[in-house]
Amino acid sequence: MDTTYYGHGTPAERWERAQLFYAARDYAAAARVLGGLVEEVPEQTGPRLLLARSYYHSAQLRRAEHELRLIVERDPVEHYARLMLGRTLQRQGRHDEARTHLRVAAAFAGDFGEG
């Protein structure tokens, strides 16, 4: 497969292209663009989070889990990554593991439940 198109341009151009693919629900194409971008700027959370979301929506759950765990490891209070990690684990049938991440995400979002 020719991946030249997916890696073409500046990081800003590739970020914009990935967002367009994601918005068009072409999650696999978004992931192709974002994979190279994340390798180039591994310290940035935005591209990695969108990569994880692209993997999640294209049913590449193990890959989504991997990216989300990297984000949470680096930034334990990143509540959206925790939420996505919980949902990813749920989709894999790993409900006990998911519960912990979903509770932490809810707490970080200020949702402490009632009573």
C-alpha atoms as a PDB file:
ATOM      1  CA  MET A   1       0.000   0.000   0.000  1.00  0.00           C
ATOM      2  CA  ASP A   2       1.242   3.475  -0.850  1.00  0.00           C
ATOM      3  CA  THR A   3       1.293   5.536   2.355  1.00  0.00           C
ATOM      4  CA  THR A   4       2.943   8.613   0.837  1.00  0.00           C
ATOM      5  CA  TYR A   5      -0.267  10.640   1.018  1.00  0.00           C
ATOM      6  CA  TYR A   6      -0.784   9.906   4.694  1.00  0.00           C
ATOM      7  CA  GLY A   7       2.694  11.096   5.647  1.00  0.00           C
ATOM      8  CA  HIS A   8       2.872  14.062   3.271  1.00  0.00           C
ATOM      9  CA  GLY A   9       3.129  17.618   4.582  1.00  0.00           C
ATOM     10  CA  THR A  10       4.069  19.404   7.744  1.00  0.00           C
ATOM     11  CA  PRO A  11       2.911  18.124  11.119  1.00  0.00           C
ATOM     12  CA  ALA A  12       0.241  20.857  11.174  1.00  0.00           C
ATOM     13  CA  GLU A  13      -1.028  19.823   7.727  1.00  0.00           C
ATOM     14  CA  ARG A  14      -1.133  16.165   8.743  1.00  0.00           C
ATOM     15  CA  TRP A  15      -2.952  17.033  11.979  1.00  0.00           C
ATOM     16  CA  GLU A  16      -5.562  18.935   9.965  1.00  0.00           C
ATOM     17  CA  ARG A  17      -5.861  16.066   7.459  1.00  0.00           C
ATOM     18  CA  ALA A  18      -6.305  13.545  10.277  1.00  0.00           C
ATOM     19  CA  GLN A  19      -9.048  15.675  11.823  1.00  0.00           C
ATOM     20  CA  LEU A  20     -10.825  15.847   8.452  1.00  0.00           C
ATOM     21  CA  PHE A  21     -10.669  12.071   8.058  1.00  0.00           C
ATOM     22  CA  TYR A  22     -11.941  11.636  11.608  1.00  0.00           C
ATOM     23  CA  ALA A  23     -14.797  14.101  11.068  1.00  0.00           C
ATOM     24  CA  ALA A  24     -15.721  12.202   7.885  1.00  0.00           C
ATOM     25  CA  ARG A  25     -15.764   8.995   9.966  1.00  0.00           C
ATOM     26  CA  ASP A  26     -12.903   7.494   7.984  1.00  0.00           C
ATOM     27  CA  TYR A  27     -11.236   6.333  11.177  1.00  0.00           C
ATOM     28  CA  ALA A  28      -8.787   3.965   9.507  1.00  0.00           C
ATOM     29  CA  ALA A  29      -7.425   6.767   7.294  1.00  0.00           C
ATOM     30  CA  ALA A  30      -7.221   9.103  10.293  1.00  0.00           C
ATOM     31  CA  ALA A  31      -5.230   6.439  12.141  1.00  0.00           C
ATOM     32  CA  ARG A  32      -2.830   6.068   9.198  1.00  0.00           C
ATOM     33  CA  VAL A  33      -2.079   9.790   9.257  1.00  0.00           C
ATOM     34  CA  LEU A  34      -1.887   9.974  13.039  1.00  0.00           C
ATOM     35  CA  GLY A  35       0.399   6.962  13.428  1.00  0.00           C
ATOM     36  CA  GLY A  36       3.279   8.773  11.757  1.00  0.00           C
ATOM     37  CA  LEU A  37       2.454  12.044  13.449  1.00  0.00           C
ATOM     38  CA  VAL A  38       2.492  10.442  16.911  1.00  0.00           C
ATOM     39  CA  GLU A  39       5.880   8.900  16.168  1.00  0.00           C
ATOM     40  CA  GLU A  40       7.154  12.348  15.230  1.00  0.00           C
ATOM     41  CA  VAL A  41       5.676  14.197  18.248  1.00  0.00           C
ATOM     42  CA  PRO A  42       5.215  11.499  20.915  1.00  0.00           C
ATOM     43  CA  GLU A  43       5.028  14.029  23.742  1.00  0.00           C
ATOM     44  CA  GLN A  44       1.832  15.653  22.427  1.00  0.00           C
ATOM     45  CA  THR A  45      -1.392  14.317  23.895  1.00  0.00           C
ATOM     46  CA  GLY A  46      -3.804  15.615  21.225  1.00  0.00           C
ATOM     47  CA  PRO A  47      -2.605  13.509  18.288  1.00  0.00           C
ATOM     48  CA  ARG A  48      -2.199  10.401  20.463  1.00  0.00           C
ATOM     49  CA  LEU A  49      -5.701  10.799  21.900  1.00  0.00           C
ATOM     50  CA  LEU A  50      -7.214  11.224  18.434  1.00  0.00           C
ATOM     51  CA  LEU A  51      -5.232   8.175  17.293  1.00  0.00           C
ATOM     52  CA  ALA A  52      -6.693   6.174  20.183  1.00  0.00           C
ATOM     53  CA  ARG A  53     -10.193   7.401  19.325  1.00  0.00           C
ATOM     54  CA  SER A  54      -9.636   6.459  15.664  1.00  0.00           C
ATOM     55  CA  TYR A  55      -8.541   2.979  16.703  1.00  0.00           C
ATOM     56  CA  TYR A  56     -11.544   2.687  19.029  1.00  0.00           C
ATOM     57  CA  HIS A  57     -14.031   3.635  16.319  1.00  0.00           C
ATOM     58  CA  SER A  58     -12.402   1.304  13.780  1.00  0.00           C
ATOM     59  CA  ALA A  59     -12.591  -1.577  16.291  1.00  0.00           C
ATOM     60  CA  GLN A  60      -8.813  -1.772  16.757  1.00  0.00           C
ATOM     61  CA  LEU A  61      -9.337  -2.047  20.481  1.00  0.00           C
ATOM     62  CA  ARG A  62      -5.931  -3.395  21.527  1.00  0.00           C
ATOM     63  CA  ARG A  63      -4.237  -0.532  19.707  1.00  0.00           C
ATOM     64  CA  ALA A  64      -6.627   1.974  21.284  1.00  0.00           C
ATOM     65  CA  GLU A  65      -5.899   0.497  24.700  1.00  0.00           C
ATOM     66  CA  HIS A  66      -2.149   0.760  24.137  1.00  0.00           C
ATOM     67  CA  GLU A  67      -2.304   4.449  23.180  1.00  0.00           C
ATOM     68  CA  LEU A  68      -4.677   5.298  26.022  1.00  0.00           C
ATOM     69  CA  ARG A  69      -2.482   3.560  28.586  1.00  0.00           C
ATOM     70  CA  LEU A  70       0.497   5.611  27.385  1.00  0.00           C
ATOM     71  CA  ILE A  71      -1.487   8.824  27.853  1.00  0.00           C
ATOM     72  CA  VAL A  72      -2.715   7.836  31.319  1.00  0.00           C
ATOM     73  CA  GLU A  73       0.770   6.745  32.346  1.00  0.00           C
ATOM     74  CA  ARG A  74       2.140  10.146  31.353  1.00  0.00           C
ATOM     75  CA  ASP A  75      -0.802  12.171  32.656  1.00  0.00           C
ATOM     76  CA  PRO A  76      -2.810  10.256  35.291  1.00  0.00           C
ATOM     77  CA  VAL A  77      -5.405  13.035  35.583  1.00  0.00           C
ATOM     78  CA  GLU A  78      -6.270  13.104  31.852  1.00  0.00           C
ATOM     79  CA  HIS A  79      -9.909  12.230  32.498  1.00  0.00           C
ATOM     80  CA  TYR A  80     -11.010  11.815  28.868  1.00  0.00           C
ATOM     81  CA  ALA A  81      -8.244   9.269  28.239  1.00  0.00           C
ATOM     82  CA  ARG A  82      -9.378   7.438  31.391  1.00  0.00           C
ATOM     83  CA  LEU A  83     -12.970   7.470  30.148  1.00  0.00           C
ATOM     84  CA  MET A  84     -11.944   6.154  26.732  1.00  0.00           C
ATOM     85  CA  LEU A  85      -9.730   3.504  28.329  1.00  0.00           C
ATOM     86  CA  GLY A  86     -12.677   2.353  30.439  1.00  0.00           C
ATOM     87  CA  ARG A  87     -14.942   2.179  27.395  1.00  0.00           C
ATOM     88  CA  THR A  88     -12.278   0.365  25.385  1.00  0.00           C
ATOM     89  CA  LEU A  89     -11.892  -2.229  28.122  1.00  0.00           C
ATOM     90  CA  GLN A  90     -15.694  -2.603  28.314  1.00  0.00           C
ATOM     91  CA  ARG A  91     -15.874  -3.322  24.584  1.00  0.00           C
ATOM     92  CA  GLN A  92     -13.296  -6.054  25.128  1.00  0.00           C
ATOM     93  CA  GLY A  93     -15.442  -7.581  27.876  1.00  0.00           C
ATOM     94  CA  ARG A  94     -12.974  -6.581  30.605  1.00  0.00           C
ATOM     95  CA  HIS A  95     -15.575  -4.971  32.860  1.00  0.00           C
ATOM     96  CA  ASP A  96     -13.699  -5.178  36.174  1.00  0.00           C
ATOM     97  CA  GLU A  97     -10.695  -3.350  34.709  1.00  0.00           C
ATOM     98  CA  ALA A  98     -12.982  -0.851  32.998  1.00  0.00           C
ATOM     99  CA  ARG A  99     -14.846  -0.004  36.183  1.00  0.00           C
ATOM    100  CA  THR A 100     -11.744   1.418  37.866  1.00  0.00           C
ATOM    101  CA  HIS A 101     -10.916   3.739  34.962  1.00  0.00           C
ATOM    102  CA  LEU A 102     -14.523   4.851  34.566  1.00  0.00           C
ATOM    103  CA  ARG A 103     -14.748   5.726  38.274  1.00  0.00           C
ATOM    104  CA  VAL A 104     -11.517   7.712  38.153  1.00  0.00           C
ATOM    105  CA  ALA A 105     -12.677   9.538  35.008  1.00  0.00           C
ATOM    106  CA  ALA A 106     -15.981  10.415  36.666  1.00  0.00           C
ATOM    107  CA  ALA A 107     -14.199  11.723  39.760  1.00  0.00           C
ATOM    108  CA  PHE A 108     -11.847  13.871  37.685  1.00  0.00           C
ATOM    109  CA  ALA A 109     -14.858  15.246  35.812  1.00  0.00           C
ATOM    110  CA  GLY A 110     -16.461  16.149  39.149  1.00  0.00           C
ATOM    111  CA  ASP A 111     -19.127  13.455  39.031  1.00  0.00           C
ATOM    112  CA  PHE A 112     -19.035  11.928  42.501  1.00  0.00           C
ATOM    113  CA  GLY A 113     -22.463  10.330  42.268  1.00  0.00           C
ATOM    114  CA  GLU A 114     -25.197  10.766  44.794  1.00  0.00           C
ATOM    115  CA  GLY A 115     -25.114   9.779  48.407  1.00  0.00           C
END
